Amino acid sequence: MYSYKRRVNFYDCDPAGILFFGRVYELCHSAYESMIESFNLQEPYWTNENYITPIIHSEASYHKPVRPGEMITINVQVSQLRKSSFELEYELVNLKGEICTKVKIVHIFIHKKNWEKINMPDNLLQAFLSHKKI
């Protein structure tokens, strides 16, 4: 599991004074980028000239409100690894240890030029395995 801490800003929230639902994906993506950087690859894989990893599925469930100024931890785990795709599960947890939001996102490896599915590079497969949910 990879953990990422972040303060929820006022601008992350909606008029009701809670985290805006769409911002959850931005927070998760920040945690995702931080996790990828922790792999210590020569360069972030999203700068690769041969492939991209678009999202093919996402879902979120909201359990408790998150308010401006709160510190949250975003826990990221690889829940599924396939030849060409990976699924990440995110949990946004408040300081009390309560799960506020759960998110699942599936990415697929696609060749940039012909948009066909390709196998995940071995170095990324090994890196994702280190965060695989047991």
N, C-alpha and C. Protein backbone atom coordinates (compact mmCIF):
# COMPACT_ATOMS: atom_id res chain seq x y z
N MET A 1 0.85 -1.18 0.00
CA MET A 1 0.00 0.00 0.00
C MET A 1 0.89 1.23 0.00
N TYR A 2 0.45 2.25 -0.72
CA TYR A 2 1.15 3.52 -0.76
C TYR A 2 0.24 4.55 -0.10
N SER A 3 0.82 5.41 0.73
CA SER A 3 0.04 6.44 1.44
C SER A 3 0.52 7.83 1.06
N TYR A 4 -0.43 8.72 0.87
CA TYR A 4 -0.17 10.10 0.45
C TYR A 4 -1.01 11.01 1.33
N LYS A 5 -0.39 12.00 1.93
CA LYS A 5 -1.12 12.91 2.82
C LYS A 5 -1.34 14.25 2.12
N ARG A 6 -2.51 14.82 2.40
CA ARG A 6 -2.87 16.09 1.75
C ARG A 6 -3.86 16.84 2.60
N ARG A 7 -3.70 18.14 2.67
CA ARG A 7 -4.66 19.03 3.32
C ARG A 7 -5.73 19.37 2.29
N VAL A 8 -6.98 19.33 2.69
CA VAL A 8 -8.09 19.71 1.81
C VAL A 8 -8.23 21.23 1.87
N ASN A 9 -8.13 21.85 0.72
CA ASN A 9 -8.21 23.30 0.63
C ASN A 9 -9.65 23.77 0.50
N PHE A 10 -9.86 25.03 0.80
CA PHE A 10 -11.18 25.64 0.65
C PHE A 10 -11.68 25.49 -0.79
N TYR A 11 -10.78 25.70 -1.75
CA TYR A 11 -11.19 25.63 -3.15
C TYR A 11 -11.52 24.21 -3.61
N ASP A 12 -11.21 23.20 -2.79
CA ASP A 12 -11.57 21.82 -3.11
C ASP A 12 -13.03 21.52 -2.76
N CYS A 13 -13.68 22.44 -2.07
CA CYS A 13 -15.01 22.17 -1.51
C CYS A 13 -16.11 22.89 -2.28
N ASP A 14 -17.32 22.40 -2.10
CA ASP A 14 -18.49 22.97 -2.78
C ASP A 14 -19.22 23.93 -1.84
N PRO A 15 -20.31 24.57 -2.29
CA PRO A 15 -21.03 25.52 -1.44
C PRO A 15 -21.57 24.91 -0.14
N ALA A 16 -21.70 23.59 -0.08
CA ALA A 16 -22.17 22.95 1.16
C ALA A 16 -21.05 22.85 2.20
N GLY A 17 -19.83 23.21 1.79
CA GLY A 17 -18.72 23.18 2.73
C GLY A 17 -18.07 21.82 2.89
N ILE A 18 -18.24 20.96 1.88
CA ILE A 18 -17.61 19.64 1.91
C ILE A 18 -16.85 19.43 0.59
N LEU A 19 -15.97 18.45 0.61
CA LEU A 19 -15.17 18.15 -0.57
C LEU A 19 -16.08 17.92 -1.77
N PHE A 20 -15.86 18.67 -2.85
CA PHE A 20 -16.63 18.54 -4.08
C PHE A 20 -16.33 17.17 -4.70
N PHE A 21 -17.35 16.47 -5.12
CA PHE A 21 -17.19 15.08 -5.57
C PHE A 21 -16.16 14.95 -6.69
N GLY A 22 -16.12 15.88 -7.60
CA GLY A 22 -15.17 15.79 -8.72
C GLY A 22 -13.73 15.98 -8.30
N ARG A 23 -13.51 16.71 -7.23
CA ARG A 23 -12.14 16.94 -6.74
C ARG A 23 -11.54 15.67 -6.16
N VAL A 24 -12.37 14.72 -5.78
CA VAL A 24 -11.86 13.45 -5.26
C VAL A 24 -10.93 12.81 -6.30
N TYR A 25 -11.31 12.86 -7.57
CA TYR A 25 -10.48 12.27 -8.61
C TYR A 25 -9.15 13.01 -8.75
N GLU A 26 -9.16 14.33 -8.58
CA GLU A 26 -7.90 15.08 -8.62
C GLU A 26 -6.99 14.68 -7.46
N LEU A 27 -7.57 14.52 -6.27
CA LEU A 27 -6.78 14.10 -5.12
C LEU A 27 -6.20 12.70 -5.35
N CYS A 28 -7.02 11.80 -5.86
CA CYS A 28 -6.53 10.45 -6.14
C CYS A 28 -5.43 10.48 -7.20
N HIS A 29 -5.59 11.32 -8.19
CA HIS A 29 -4.57 11.39 -9.24
C HIS A 29 -3.26 11.93 -8.68
N SER A 30 -3.32 12.86 -7.76
CA SER A 30 -2.10 13.35 -7.11
C SER A 30 -1.41 12.22 -6.35
N ALA A 31 -2.19 11.40 -5.65
CA ALA A 31 -1.63 10.25 -4.93
C ALA A 31 -1.02 9.26 -5.92
N TYR A 32 -1.70 9.04 -7.03
CA TYR A 32 -1.21 8.14 -8.08
C TYR A 32 0.13 8.62 -8.63
N GLU A 33 0.23 9.92 -8.96
CA GLU A 33 1.49 10.46 -9.47
C GLU A 33 2.60 10.33 -8.44
N SER A 34 2.29 10.58 -7.19
CA SER A 34 3.28 10.45 -6.13
C SER A 34 3.75 8.99 -6.00
N MET A 35 2.82 8.05 -6.11
CA MET A 35 3.18 6.63 -6.05
C MET A 35 4.11 6.27 -7.21
N ILE A 36 3.78 6.72 -8.41
CA ILE A 36 4.61 6.42 -9.59
C ILE A 36 6.01 7.01 -9.39
N GLU A 37 6.10 8.22 -8.86
CA GLU A 37 7.41 8.82 -8.59
C GLU A 37 8.20 7.98 -7.59
N SER A 38 7.51 7.33 -6.65
CA SER A 38 8.19 6.51 -5.65
C SER A 38 8.81 5.25 -6.27
N PHE A 39 8.42 4.90 -7.50
CA PHE A 39 8.98 3.74 -8.17
C PHE A 39 10.43 3.98 -8.61
N ASN A 40 10.86 5.24 -8.60
CA ASN A 40 12.22 5.62 -9.00
C ASN A 40 12.57 5.15 -10.41
N LEU A 41 11.64 5.34 -11.32
CA LEU A 41 11.90 5.04 -12.72
C LEU A 41 12.81 6.13 -13.28
N GLN A 42 13.46 5.86 -14.39
CA GLN A 42 14.34 6.87 -14.98
C GLN A 42 13.56 8.12 -15.37
N GLU A 43 12.34 7.92 -15.82
CA GLU A 43 11.46 9.04 -16.15
C GLU A 43 10.03 8.58 -15.87
N PRO A 44 9.13 9.52 -15.56
CA PRO A 44 7.73 9.11 -15.34
C PRO A 44 7.21 8.42 -16.60
N TYR A 45 6.50 7.33 -16.43
CA TYR A 45 6.07 6.57 -17.60
C TYR A 45 5.11 7.35 -18.48
N TRP A 46 4.46 8.37 -17.95
CA TRP A 46 3.50 9.12 -18.78
C TRP A 46 4.20 10.00 -19.79
N THR A 47 5.53 10.09 -19.73
CA THR A 47 6.26 10.82 -20.76
C THR A 47 6.75 9.88 -21.86
N ASN A 48 6.42 8.60 -21.75
CA ASN A 48 6.86 7.60 -22.72
C ASN A 48 6.31 7.95 -24.10
N GLU A 49 7.14 7.76 -25.12
CA GLU A 49 6.75 8.10 -26.48
C GLU A 49 5.92 7.01 -27.16
N ASN A 50 5.90 5.80 -26.59
CA ASN A 50 5.25 4.68 -27.27
C ASN A 50 3.85 4.35 -26.77
N TYR A 51 3.56 4.66 -25.52
CA TYR A 51 2.26 4.24 -24.99
C TYR A 51 1.67 5.28 -24.05
N ILE A 52 0.37 5.11 -23.83
CA ILE A 52 -0.38 5.93 -22.87
C ILE A 52 -1.19 4.98 -22.00
N THR A 53 -1.73 5.49 -20.91
CA THR A 53 -2.53 4.64 -20.00
C THR A 53 -3.85 5.33 -19.66
N PRO A 54 -4.76 5.40 -20.61
CA PRO A 54 -6.04 6.05 -20.32
C PRO A 54 -6.86 5.25 -19.30
N ILE A 55 -7.78 5.95 -18.70
CA ILE A 55 -8.71 5.33 -17.75
C ILE A 55 -9.88 4.74 -18.54
N ILE A 56 -10.20 3.48 -18.23
CA ILE A 56 -11.33 2.84 -18.91
C ILE A 56 -12.51 2.60 -17.97
N HIS A 57 -12.29 2.79 -16.67
CA HIS A 57 -13.38 2.65 -15.71
C HIS A 57 -13.01 3.40 -14.44
N SER A 58 -14.02 4.03 -13.84
CA SER A 58 -13.82 4.64 -12.53
C SER A 58 -15.14 4.62 -11.78
N GLU A 59 -15.02 4.56 -10.45
CA GLU A 59 -16.20 4.62 -9.59
C GLU A 59 -15.77 5.17 -8.24
N ALA A 60 -16.71 5.81 -7.56
CA ALA A 60 -16.42 6.37 -6.24
C ALA A 60 -17.65 6.21 -5.35
N SER A 61 -17.38 5.98 -4.08
CA SER A 61 -18.47 5.96 -3.09
C SER A 61 -18.06 6.87 -1.95
N TYR A 62 -19.02 7.64 -1.48
CA TYR A 62 -18.77 8.69 -0.49
C TYR A 62 -19.44 8.28 0.81
N HIS A 63 -18.65 8.17 1.88
CA HIS A 63 -19.14 7.65 3.15
C HIS A 63 -19.25 8.70 4.24
N LYS A 64 -18.31 9.63 4.29
CA LYS A 64 -18.31 10.68 5.31
C LYS A 64 -17.85 11.98 4.65
N PRO A 65 -18.37 13.11 5.11
CA PRO A 65 -17.94 14.38 4.52
C PRO A 65 -16.49 14.71 4.88
N VAL A 66 -15.84 15.39 3.95
CA VAL A 66 -14.49 15.91 4.17
C VAL A 66 -14.61 17.42 4.07
N ARG A 67 -14.08 18.13 5.05
CA ARG A 67 -14.25 19.59 5.14
C ARG A 67 -12.94 20.33 4.87
N PRO A 68 -13.04 21.60 4.49
CA PRO A 68 -11.83 22.39 4.24
C PRO A 68 -10.93 22.41 5.48
N GLY A 69 -9.63 22.32 5.24
CA GLY A 69 -8.67 22.35 6.32
C GLY A 69 -8.32 20.99 6.90
N GLU A 70 -9.12 19.97 6.59
CA GLU A 70 -8.85 18.62 7.11
C GLU A 70 -7.62 18.03 6.43
N MET A 71 -6.83 17.33 7.22
CA MET A 71 -5.73 16.53 6.68
C MET A 71 -6.30 15.14 6.40
N ILE A 72 -6.03 14.65 5.21
CA ILE A 72 -6.48 13.31 4.86
C ILE A 72 -5.28 12.49 4.39
N THR A 73 -5.41 11.20 4.51
CA THR A 73 -4.45 10.27 3.94
C THR A 73 -5.16 9.53 2.82
N ILE A 74 -4.50 9.46 1.70
CA ILE A 74 -5.05 8.71 0.57
C ILE A 74 -4.20 7.45 0.44
N ASN A 75 -4.80 6.32 0.75
CA ASN A 75 -4.13 5.04 0.63
C ASN A 75 -4.42 4.45 -0.74
N VAL A 76 -3.36 4.01 -1.42
CA VAL A 76 -3.49 3.47 -2.77
C VAL A 76 -2.98 2.03 -2.77
N GLN A 77 -3.80 1.15 -3.33
CA GLN A 77 -3.40 -0.24 -3.49
C GLN A 77 -3.72 -0.71 -4.90
N VAL A 78 -2.87 -1.56 -5.42
CA VAL A 78 -3.14 -2.19 -6.71
C VAL A 78 -4.05 -3.38 -6.42
N SER A 79 -5.28 -3.32 -6.89
CA SER A 79 -6.23 -4.41 -6.60
C SER A 79 -6.25 -5.47 -7.68
N GLN A 80 -5.89 -5.09 -8.92
CA GLN A 80 -5.83 -6.07 -10.00
C GLN A 80 -4.70 -5.71 -10.96
N LEU A 81 -3.99 -6.73 -11.39
CA LEU A 81 -2.97 -6.57 -12.42
C LEU A 81 -3.26 -7.57 -13.53
N ARG A 82 -3.33 -7.06 -14.73
CA ARG A 82 -3.51 -7.92 -15.89
C ARG A 82 -2.38 -7.62 -16.87
N LYS A 83 -2.33 -8.34 -17.97
CA LYS A 83 -1.24 -8.13 -18.94
C LYS A 83 -1.19 -6.69 -19.44
N SER A 84 -2.37 -6.11 -19.65
CA SER A 84 -2.44 -4.78 -20.27
C SER A 84 -3.09 -3.72 -19.39
N SER A 85 -3.51 -4.09 -18.19
CA SER A 85 -4.23 -3.10 -17.38
C SER A 85 -3.93 -3.29 -15.89
N PHE A 86 -4.29 -2.26 -15.15
CA PHE A 86 -4.18 -2.32 -13.69
C PHE A 86 -5.33 -1.54 -13.07
N GLU A 87 -5.78 -2.03 -11.92
CA GLU A 87 -6.85 -1.37 -11.18
C GLU A 87 -6.27 -0.89 -9.85
N LEU A 88 -6.53 0.36 -9.53
CA LEU A 88 -6.10 0.94 -8.27
C LEU A 88 -7.31 1.22 -7.40
N GLU A 89 -7.17 0.92 -6.11
CA GLU A 89 -8.19 1.27 -5.12
C GLU A 89 -7.61 2.35 -4.22
N TYR A 90 -8.41 3.37 -4.01
CA TYR A 90 -8.02 4.49 -3.17
C TYR A 90 -8.99 4.57 -1.99
N GLU A 91 -8.45 4.90 -0.83
CA GLU A 91 -9.28 5.21 0.33
C GLU A 91 -8.83 6.55 0.89
N LEU A 92 -9.76 7.48 0.99
CA LEU A 92 -9.49 8.75 1.64
C LEU A 92 -9.88 8.61 3.10
N VAL A 93 -8.91 8.78 3.97
CA VAL A 93 -9.09 8.51 5.40
C VAL A 93 -8.82 9.79 6.18
N ASN A 94 -9.72 10.10 7.13
CA ASN A 94 -9.53 11.30 7.95
C ASN A 94 -8.61 11.00 9.14
N LEU A 95 -8.33 12.01 9.95
CA LEU A 95 -7.42 11.84 11.08
C LEU A 95 -7.96 10.89 12.15
N LYS A 96 -9.27 10.68 12.17
CA LYS A 96 -9.86 9.72 13.12
C LYS A 96 -9.70 8.28 12.64
N GLY A 97 -9.18 8.11 11.42
CA GLY A 97 -9.04 6.78 10.85
C GLY A 97 -10.27 6.29 10.13
N GLU A 98 -11.24 7.18 9.91
CA GLU A 98 -12.49 6.82 9.24
C GLU A 98 -12.31 6.93 7.73
N ILE A 99 -12.84 5.93 7.01
CA ILE A 99 -12.82 5.99 5.55
C ILE A 99 -13.93 6.93 5.11
N CYS A 100 -13.53 7.99 4.42
CA CYS A 100 -14.51 8.98 3.94
C CYS A 100 -14.97 8.69 2.52
N THR A 101 -14.05 8.23 1.69
CA THR A 101 -14.35 7.99 0.29
C THR A 101 -13.53 6.80 -0.21
N LYS A 102 -14.15 6.01 -1.07
CA LYS A 102 -13.45 4.91 -1.74
C LYS A 102 -13.57 5.14 -3.25
N VAL A 103 -12.47 4.90 -3.95
CA VAL A 103 -12.42 5.10 -5.40
C VAL A 103 -11.73 3.91 -6.03
N LYS A 104 -12.22 3.49 -7.20
CA LYS A 104 -11.54 2.49 -8.03
C LYS A 104 -11.34 3.08 -9.41
N ILE A 105 -10.14 2.90 -9.93
CA ILE A 105 -9.82 3.40 -11.27
C ILE A 105 -9.04 2.32 -12.01
N VAL A 106 -9.45 2.04 -13.25
CA VAL A 106 -8.76 1.06 -14.09
C VAL A 106 -8.10 1.80 -15.26
N HIS A 107 -6.79 1.53 -15.44
CA HIS A 107 -6.01 2.07 -16.56
C HIS A 107 -5.64 0.93 -17.50
N ILE A 108 -5.49 1.26 -18.77
CA ILE A 108 -5.08 0.26 -19.76
C ILE A 108 -3.91 0.83 -20.56
N PHE A 109 -3.00 -0.03 -20.95
CA PHE A 109 -1.86 0.38 -21.76
C PHE A 109 -2.25 0.31 -23.23
N ILE A 110 -2.06 1.44 -23.91
CA ILE A 110 -2.43 1.60 -25.32
C ILE A 110 -1.22 2.14 -26.08
N HIS A 111 -0.95 1.58 -27.25
CA HIS A 111 0.11 2.09 -28.11
C HIS A 111 -0.33 3.46 -28.63
N LYS A 112 0.54 4.45 -28.55
CA LYS A 112 0.18 5.82 -28.93
C LYS A 112 -0.17 5.97 -30.41
N LYS A 113 0.51 5.24 -31.26
CA LYS A 113 0.32 5.47 -32.70
C LYS A 113 -0.91 4.76 -33.26
N ASN A 114 -1.16 3.52 -32.83
CA ASN A 114 -2.28 2.79 -33.44
C ASN A 114 -3.44 2.56 -32.47
N TRP A 115 -3.32 3.01 -31.24
CA TRP A 115 -4.36 2.92 -30.22
C TRP A 115 -4.79 1.48 -29.95
N GLU A 116 -3.86 0.54 -30.13
CA GLU A 116 -4.15 -0.85 -29.80
C GLU A 116 -3.60 -1.18 -28.42
N LYS A 117 -4.28 -2.10 -27.76
CA LYS A 117 -3.87 -2.54 -26.43
C LYS A 117 -2.51 -3.21 -26.53
N ILE A 118 -1.63 -2.93 -25.53
CA ILE A 118 -0.32 -3.56 -25.47
C ILE A 118 -0.09 -4.09 -24.06
N ASN A 119 0.91 -4.95 -23.92
CA ASN A 119 1.26 -5.46 -22.60
C ASN A 119 1.97 -4.38 -21.78
N MET A 120 1.76 -4.44 -20.49
CA MET A 120 2.41 -3.54 -19.56
C MET A 120 3.92 -3.81 -19.57
N PRO A 121 4.74 -2.77 -19.60
CA PRO A 121 6.19 -2.98 -19.52
C PRO A 121 6.56 -3.68 -18.21
N ASP A 122 7.58 -4.54 -18.28
CA ASP A 122 7.98 -5.34 -17.11
C ASP A 122 8.38 -4.50 -15.91
N ASN A 123 9.07 -3.39 -16.14
CA ASN A 123 9.49 -2.57 -15.00
C ASN A 123 8.29 -2.00 -14.24
N LEU A 124 7.24 -1.67 -14.95
CA LEU A 124 6.03 -1.18 -14.28
C LEU A 124 5.28 -2.31 -13.61
N LEU A 125 5.23 -3.45 -14.25
CA LEU A 125 4.58 -4.61 -13.64
C LEU A 125 5.23 -4.91 -12.29
N GLN A 126 6.54 -4.93 -12.25
CA GLN A 126 7.25 -5.20 -11.00
C GLN A 126 6.99 -4.12 -9.96
N ALA A 127 6.96 -2.87 -10.39
CA ALA A 127 6.70 -1.76 -9.46
C ALA A 127 5.29 -1.85 -8.90
N PHE A 128 4.30 -2.14 -9.75
CA PHE A 128 2.92 -2.26 -9.28
C PHE A 128 2.76 -3.46 -8.35
N LEU A 129 3.50 -4.52 -8.60
CA LEU A 129 3.42 -5.70 -7.72
C LEU A 129 3.81 -5.35 -6.29
N SER A 130 4.69 -4.38 -6.13
CA SER A 130 5.12 -3.99 -4.77
C SER A 130 4.01 -3.31 -3.98
N HIS A 131 2.94 -2.89 -4.65
CA HIS A 131 1.81 -2.25 -4.00
C HIS A 131 0.52 -3.06 -4.16
N LYS A 132 0.68 -4.33 -4.52
CA LYS A 132 -0.47 -5.20 -4.77
C LYS A 132 -1.19 -5.54 -3.47
N LYS A 133 -2.50 -5.44 -3.53
CA LYS A 133 -3.35 -5.81 -2.40
C LYS A 133 -3.29 -7.32 -2.21
N ILE A 134 -3.15 -7.75 -0.98
CA ILE A 134 -3.04 -9.18 -0.69
C ILE A 134 -4.39 -9.74 -0.30
